[in-house]
Amino acid sequence: MTMQRYFLELERRGMIRCTNRSNKPGNEYEIIIWDDFEQLKSGMDMMNAILEKLKNEPSQNLHTTFTN
């Protein structure tokens, strides 16, 4: 039952597709997204580059004076 729930969740997320449903045990699935980790890694690299750029830029308007 747990495996079925995991497969259904992966199917809902579009990561796998059932190619052969059967009333017998042993449905066949096809993996649709193989490069999920690579996409995540490239996104993290991009985010790190943006953070480095922000860190190296002179801070402007960080100290604001409020008047009443």
C-alpha atoms as a PDB file:
ATOM      1  CA  MET A   1       0.000   0.000   0.000  1.00  0.00           C
ATOM      2  CA  THR A   2       2.859   2.375   0.830  1.00  0.00           C
ATOM      3  CA  MET A   3       4.583   1.721  -2.510  1.00  0.00           C
ATOM      4  CA  GLN A   4       1.332   2.384  -4.339  1.00  0.00           C
ATOM      5  CA  ARG A   5       1.001   5.723  -2.545  1.00  0.00           C
ATOM      6  CA  TYR A   6       4.581   6.678  -3.493  1.00  0.00           C
ATOM      7  CA  PHE A   7       4.043   5.725  -7.116  1.00  0.00           C
ATOM      8  CA  LEU A   8       0.799   7.717  -7.262  1.00  0.00           C
ATOM      9  CA  GLU A   9       2.545  10.769  -5.802  1.00  0.00           C
ATOM     10  CA  LEU A  10       5.395  10.508  -8.324  1.00  0.00           C
ATOM     11  CA  GLU A  11       2.830  10.109 -11.089  1.00  0.00           C
ATOM     12  CA  ARG A  12       0.918  13.217  -9.920  1.00  0.00           C
ATOM     13  CA  ARG A  13       4.155  15.222  -9.941  1.00  0.00           C
ATOM     14  CA  GLY A  14       4.834  14.151 -13.512  1.00  0.00           C
ATOM     15  CA  MET A  15       8.028  12.288 -12.695  1.00  0.00           C
ATOM     16  CA  ILE A  16       6.828   8.831 -13.783  1.00  0.00           C
ATOM     17  CA  ARG A  17       4.106   7.456 -16.034  1.00  0.00           C
ATOM     18  CA  CYS A  18       2.310   4.146 -15.746  1.00  0.00           C
ATOM     19  CA  THR A  19       2.776   2.308 -19.032  1.00  0.00           C
ATOM     20  CA  ASN A  20       0.828  -0.848 -18.164  1.00  0.00           C
ATOM     21  CA  ARG A  21      -1.836  -1.028 -15.462  1.00  0.00           C
ATOM     22  CA  SER A  22      -2.877  -4.469 -14.406  1.00  0.00           C
ATOM     23  CA  ASN A  23      -5.256  -6.027 -11.903  1.00  0.00           C
ATOM     24  CA  LYS A  24      -2.387  -8.334 -11.050  1.00  0.00           C
ATOM     25  CA  PRO A  25       0.538  -7.082  -8.973  1.00  0.00           C
ATOM     26  CA  GLY A  26       3.273  -5.542 -11.060  1.00  0.00           C
ATOM     27  CA  ASN A  27       2.227  -2.362 -12.867  1.00  0.00           C
ATOM     28  CA  GLU A  28       4.907  -1.032 -15.220  1.00  0.00           C
ATOM     29  CA  TYR A  29       6.155   2.536 -14.872  1.00  0.00           C
ATOM     30  CA  GLU A  30       8.390   4.725 -17.005  1.00  0.00           C
ATOM     31  CA  ILE A  31      10.631   7.417 -15.535  1.00  0.00           C
ATOM     32  CA  ILE A  32       9.946  10.704 -17.288  1.00  0.00           C
ATOM     33  CA  ILE A  33      12.331  13.079 -15.478  1.00  0.00           C
ATOM     34  CA  TRP A  34      15.894  11.775 -15.162  1.00  0.00           C
ATOM     35  CA  ASP A  35      17.698  15.079 -14.770  1.00  0.00           C
ATOM     36  CA  ASP A  36      15.804  16.327 -11.705  1.00  0.00           C
ATOM     37  CA  PHE A  37      18.993  16.539  -9.623  1.00  0.00           C
ATOM     38  CA  GLU A  38      20.863  18.396 -12.367  1.00  0.00           C
ATOM     39  CA  GLN A  39      18.049  20.966 -12.629  1.00  0.00           C
ATOM     40  CA  LEU A  40      18.106  21.473  -8.874  1.00  0.00           C
ATOM     41  CA  LYS A  41      21.893  21.820  -8.851  1.00  0.00           C
ATOM     42  CA  SER A  42      21.904  24.398 -11.662  1.00  0.00           C
ATOM     43  CA  GLY A  43      19.230  26.392  -9.822  1.00  0.00           C
ATOM     44  CA  MET A  44      21.335  26.348  -6.660  1.00  0.00           C
ATOM     45  CA  ASP A  45      24.415  27.485  -8.614  1.00  0.00           C
ATOM     46  CA  MET A  46      22.428  30.395 -10.040  1.00  0.00           C
ATOM     47  CA  MET A  47      21.126  31.353  -6.598  1.00  0.00           C
ATOM     48  CA  ASN A  48      24.660  31.247  -5.132  1.00  0.00           C
ATOM     49  CA  ALA A  49      25.933  33.516  -7.921  1.00  0.00           C
ATOM     50  CA  ILE A  50      23.174  36.037  -7.209  1.00  0.00           C
ATOM     51  CA  LEU A  51      23.893  35.948  -3.468  1.00  0.00           C
ATOM     52  CA  GLU A  52      27.613  36.476  -4.084  1.00  0.00           C
ATOM     53  CA  LYS A  53      26.865  39.442  -6.332  1.00  0.00           C
ATOM     54  CA  LEU A  54      24.596  40.979  -3.690  1.00  0.00           C
ATOM     55  CA  LYS A  55      27.182  40.360  -0.990  1.00  0.00           C
ATOM     56  CA  ASN A  56      29.958  42.040  -2.989  1.00  0.00           C
ATOM     57  CA  GLU A  57      27.952  45.124  -4.002  1.00  0.00           C
ATOM     58  CA  PRO A  58      28.234  48.125  -1.702  1.00  0.00           C
ATOM     59  CA  SER A  59      25.240  48.215   0.575  1.00  0.00           C
ATOM     60  CA  GLN A  60      22.962  51.115  -0.173  1.00  0.00           C
ATOM     61  CA  ASN A  61      19.935  52.256   1.776  1.00  0.00           C
ATOM     62  CA  LEU A  62      20.482  49.680   4.489  1.00  0.00           C
ATOM     63  CA  HIS A  63      20.436  52.288   7.216  1.00  0.00           C
ATOM     64  CA  THR A  64      17.286  54.347   7.008  1.00  0.00           C
ATOM     65  CA  THR A  65      16.416  57.130   9.387  1.00  0.00           C
ATOM     66  CA  PHE A  66      12.803  57.372  10.433  1.00  0.00           C
ATOM     67  CA  THR A  67      11.318  60.649  11.613  1.00  0.00           C
ATOM     68  CA  ASN A  68       8.131  61.136  13.552  1.00  0.00           C
END
